[in-house]
């Protein structure tokens, strides 16, 4: 089985561009499999799909090896996924866009400046896939 990265970041209330652009780039550049929660895009029907949203995301986190976090846009769901992943013993790498982030994020994540820095860090973690 190849290594897998969960693409963690805000979706609810974001435009298609803000929710998907960074994920599309990550999928193209990571040298491993990815789990993209956007494949279950419930924007506009969140209240009718609460269990599906949360349970699907938690399953993806359980099934991954690394969580890649977009910490540029604060999100309640993203924060909860970070803590869940950390408690599950997952490696969590967050990119911040250069902005200061909460001590809670820095405590639970390996924080880097950019998406490219995060991708380089993750790809370097899996040298067999180079």
C-alpha atoms as a PDB file:
ATOM      1  CA  UNK A   1       0.000   0.000   0.000  1.00  0.00           C
ATOM      2  CA  UNK A   2       1.359   3.435  -0.887  1.00  0.00           C
ATOM      3  CA  UNK A   3       1.454   6.329   1.567  1.00  0.00           C
ATOM      4  CA  UNK A   4      -1.616   8.562   1.659  1.00  0.00           C
ATOM      5  CA  UNK A   5      -2.085  12.265   2.458  1.00  0.00           C
ATOM      6  CA  UNK A   6      -5.409  13.765   3.602  1.00  0.00           C
ATOM      7  CA  UNK A   7      -5.978  17.302   2.251  1.00  0.00           C
ATOM      8  CA  UNK A   8      -7.316  19.166   5.274  1.00  0.00           C
ATOM      9  CA  UNK A   9      -8.610  22.705   5.001  1.00  0.00           C
ATOM     10  CA  UNK A  10     -11.682  24.872   4.906  1.00  0.00           C
ATOM     11  CA  UNK A  11     -14.543  24.114   2.530  1.00  0.00           C
ATOM     12  CA  UNK A  12     -17.706  25.510   4.126  1.00  0.00           C
ATOM     13  CA  UNK A  13     -18.308  29.093   3.040  1.00  0.00           C
ATOM     14  CA  UNK A  14     -15.363  29.191   0.620  1.00  0.00           C
ATOM     15  CA  UNK A  15     -15.503  29.749  -3.127  1.00  0.00           C
ATOM     16  CA  UNK A  16     -14.679  26.898  -5.488  1.00  0.00           C
ATOM     17  CA  UNK A  17     -11.297  28.510  -6.141  1.00  0.00           C
ATOM     18  CA  UNK A  18     -10.403  28.868  -2.448  1.00  0.00           C
ATOM     19  CA  UNK A  19     -11.585  25.345  -1.616  1.00  0.00           C
ATOM     20  CA  UNK A  20     -10.028  23.547  -4.582  1.00  0.00           C
ATOM     21  CA  UNK A  21      -7.028  25.401  -6.052  1.00  0.00           C
ATOM     22  CA  UNK A  22      -4.526  24.396  -3.402  1.00  0.00           C
ATOM     23  CA  UNK A  23      -5.869  20.826  -3.354  1.00  0.00           C
ATOM     24  CA  UNK A  24      -5.460  20.530  -7.135  1.00  0.00           C
ATOM     25  CA  UNK A  25      -1.847  21.726  -6.841  1.00  0.00           C
ATOM     26  CA  UNK A  26      -1.127  19.337  -3.956  1.00  0.00           C
ATOM     27  CA  UNK A  27      -2.560  16.364  -5.847  1.00  0.00           C
ATOM     28  CA  UNK A  28      -0.382  17.188  -8.859  1.00  0.00           C
ATOM     29  CA  UNK A  29       2.849  17.590  -6.873  1.00  0.00           C
ATOM     30  CA  UNK A  30       2.640  15.048  -4.052  1.00  0.00           C
ATOM     31  CA  UNK A  31       4.404  11.783  -4.815  1.00  0.00           C
ATOM     32  CA  UNK A  32       1.791   9.689  -3.053  1.00  0.00           C
ATOM     33  CA  UNK A  33      -1.931   9.040  -2.935  1.00  0.00           C
ATOM     34  CA  UNK A  34      -4.270  11.755  -1.638  1.00  0.00           C
ATOM     35  CA  UNK A  35      -7.679  11.806   0.029  1.00  0.00           C
ATOM     36  CA  UNK A  36      -9.598  14.934  -0.978  1.00  0.00           C
ATOM     37  CA  UNK A  37     -12.743  15.695   1.046  1.00  0.00           C
ATOM     38  CA  UNK A  38     -13.982  17.833  -1.859  1.00  0.00           C
ATOM     39  CA  UNK A  39     -15.041  14.588  -3.527  1.00  0.00           C
ATOM     40  CA  UNK A  40     -17.906  14.825  -1.014  1.00  0.00           C
ATOM     41  CA  UNK A  41     -18.787  18.472  -1.655  1.00  0.00           C
ATOM     42  CA  UNK A  42     -21.841  19.184   0.521  1.00  0.00           C
ATOM     43  CA  UNK A  43     -21.682  22.984   0.293  1.00  0.00           C
ATOM     44  CA  UNK A  44     -25.239  24.280   0.356  1.00  0.00           C
ATOM     45  CA  UNK A  45     -26.618  21.147   2.017  1.00  0.00           C
ATOM     46  CA  UNK A  46     -24.443  20.909   5.127  1.00  0.00           C
ATOM     47  CA  UNK A  47     -27.370  20.782   7.565  1.00  0.00           C
ATOM     48  CA  UNK A  48     -28.825  17.733   5.820  1.00  0.00           C
ATOM     49  CA  UNK A  49     -25.469  15.901   5.716  1.00  0.00           C
ATOM     50  CA  UNK A  50     -23.808  16.541   9.078  1.00  0.00           C
ATOM     51  CA  UNK A  51     -23.067  12.877   9.821  1.00  0.00           C
ATOM     52  CA  UNK A  52     -21.850  12.135   6.289  1.00  0.00           C
ATOM     53  CA  UNK A  53     -19.505  15.117   6.340  1.00  0.00           C
ATOM     54  CA  UNK A  54     -17.940  14.434   9.727  1.00  0.00           C
ATOM     55  CA  UNK A  55     -17.823  10.632   9.483  1.00  0.00           C
ATOM     56  CA  UNK A  56     -16.357  10.769   5.956  1.00  0.00           C
ATOM     57  CA  UNK A  57     -13.621  13.169   7.044  1.00  0.00           C
ATOM     58  CA  UNK A  58     -12.807  11.128  10.155  1.00  0.00           C
ATOM     59  CA  UNK A  59     -12.580   7.954   8.058  1.00  0.00           C
ATOM     60  CA  UNK A  60     -10.194   9.692   5.644  1.00  0.00           C
ATOM     61  CA  UNK A  61      -7.995  10.778   8.550  1.00  0.00           C
ATOM     62  CA  UNK A  62      -7.934   7.232   9.933  1.00  0.00           C
ATOM     63  CA  UNK A  63      -6.997   5.934   6.464  1.00  0.00           C
ATOM     64  CA  UNK A  64      -4.159   8.412   5.826  1.00  0.00           C
ATOM     65  CA  UNK A  65      -0.537   8.521   6.906  1.00  0.00           C
ATOM     66  CA  UNK A  66      -0.074  12.308   6.801  1.00  0.00           C
ATOM     67  CA  UNK A  67      -2.474  15.238   7.091  1.00  0.00           C
ATOM     68  CA  UNK A  68      -1.649  18.275   4.946  1.00  0.00           C
ATOM     69  CA  UNK A  69      -3.355  21.337   6.440  1.00  0.00           C
ATOM     70  CA  UNK A  70      -4.196  24.612   4.744  1.00  0.00           C
ATOM     71  CA  UNK A  71      -3.940  26.893   7.791  1.00  0.00           C
ATOM     72  CA  UNK A  72      -4.310  30.084   5.745  1.00  0.00           C
ATOM     73  CA  UNK A  73      -8.105  30.203   6.209  1.00  0.00           C
ATOM     74  CA  UNK A  74      -9.180  29.454   9.804  1.00  0.00           C
ATOM     75  CA  UNK A  75     -11.910  26.812   9.991  1.00  0.00           C
ATOM     76  CA  UNK A  76     -13.610  25.074  12.893  1.00  0.00           C
ATOM     77  CA  UNK A  77     -13.644  21.764  11.041  1.00  0.00           C
ATOM     78  CA  UNK A  78      -9.968  22.032  10.142  1.00  0.00           C
ATOM     79  CA  UNK A  79      -9.054  22.709  13.780  1.00  0.00           C
ATOM     80  CA  UNK A  80     -11.007  19.662  14.930  1.00  0.00           C
ATOM     81  CA  UNK A  81      -9.443  17.484  12.229  1.00  0.00           C
ATOM     82  CA  UNK A  82      -5.958  18.577  13.321  1.00  0.00           C
ATOM     83  CA  UNK A  83      -6.596  17.522  16.922  1.00  0.00           C
ATOM     84  CA  UNK A  84      -8.235  14.246  15.848  1.00  0.00           C
ATOM     85  CA  UNK A  85      -5.288  13.444  13.548  1.00  0.00           C
ATOM     86  CA  UNK A  86      -2.745  14.234  16.258  1.00  0.00           C
ATOM     87  CA  UNK A  87      -4.563  12.038  18.764  1.00  0.00           C
ATOM     88  CA  UNK A  88      -4.618   9.254  16.150  1.00  0.00           C
ATOM     89  CA  UNK A  89      -0.824   9.517  15.852  1.00  0.00           C
ATOM     90  CA  UNK A  90      -0.804  11.012  12.357  1.00  0.00           C
ATOM     91  CA  UNK A  91       1.909  13.321  11.085  1.00  0.00           C
ATOM     92  CA  UNK A  92       0.390  16.779  10.495  1.00  0.00           C
ATOM     93  CA  UNK A  93       2.060  19.337   8.220  1.00  0.00           C
ATOM     94  CA  UNK A  94       0.445  22.784   7.940  1.00  0.00           C
ATOM     95  CA  UNK A  95       1.193  25.643   5.597  1.00  0.00           C
ATOM     96  CA  UNK A  96       0.383  29.100   6.903  1.00  0.00           C
ATOM     97  CA  UNK A  97       0.888  31.481   3.993  1.00  0.00           C
ATOM     98  CA  UNK A  98       3.341  33.337   6.189  1.00  0.00           C
ATOM     99  CA  UNK A  99       0.712  34.576   8.612  1.00  0.00           C
ATOM    100  CA  UNK A 100       0.972  34.033  12.330  1.00  0.00           C
ATOM    101  CA  UNK A 101      -1.110  31.116  13.490  1.00  0.00           C
ATOM    102  CA  UNK A 102      -2.499  30.047  16.806  1.00  0.00           C
ATOM    103  CA  UNK A 103      -0.158  28.391  19.297  1.00  0.00           C
ATOM    104  CA  UNK A 104      -2.623  25.485  19.125  1.00  0.00           C
ATOM    105  CA  UNK A 105      -1.852  24.980  15.430  1.00  0.00           C
ATOM    106  CA  UNK A 106       1.894  25.248  16.017  1.00  0.00           C
ATOM    107  CA  UNK A 107       1.646  22.779  18.920  1.00  0.00           C
ATOM    108  CA  UNK A 108      -0.152  20.130  16.839  1.00  0.00           C
ATOM    109  CA  UNK A 109       1.501  20.678  13.428  1.00  0.00           C
ATOM    110  CA  UNK A 110       4.803  20.981  11.672  1.00  0.00           C
ATOM    111  CA  UNK A 111       4.253  24.515  10.345  1.00  0.00           C
ATOM    112  CA  UNK A 112       5.843  25.773   7.149  1.00  0.00           C
ATOM    113  CA  UNK A 113       5.379  28.932   5.116  1.00  0.00           C
ATOM    114  CA  UNK A 114       3.946  27.742   1.813  1.00  0.00           C
ATOM    115  CA  UNK A 115       2.114  24.890   0.132  1.00  0.00           C
ATOM    116  CA  UNK A 116       5.302  24.148  -1.839  1.00  0.00           C
ATOM    117  CA  UNK A 117       7.293  23.932   1.416  1.00  0.00           C
ATOM    118  CA  UNK A 118       4.730  21.490   2.817  1.00  0.00           C
ATOM    119  CA  UNK A 119       4.774  19.364  -0.339  1.00  0.00           C
ATOM    120  CA  UNK A 120       8.587  19.286  -0.296  1.00  0.00           C
ATOM    121  CA  UNK A 121       8.536  18.263   3.373  1.00  0.00           C
ATOM    122  CA  UNK A 122       6.029  15.458   2.732  1.00  0.00           C
ATOM    123  CA  UNK A 123       7.718  14.228  -0.440  1.00  0.00           C
ATOM    124  CA  UNK A 124      11.027  14.161   1.425  1.00  0.00           C
ATOM    125  CA  UNK A 125       9.417  12.060   4.151  1.00  0.00           C
ATOM    126  CA  UNK A 126       8.726   9.324   1.591  1.00  0.00           C
ATOM    127  CA  UNK A 127      12.086   8.977  -0.216  1.00  0.00           C
ATOM    128  CA  UNK A 128      11.152   5.583  -1.660  1.00  0.00           C
ATOM    129  CA  UNK A 129       8.562   7.337  -3.862  1.00  0.00           C
ATOM    130  CA  UNK A 130      11.065   9.757  -5.450  1.00  0.00           C
END
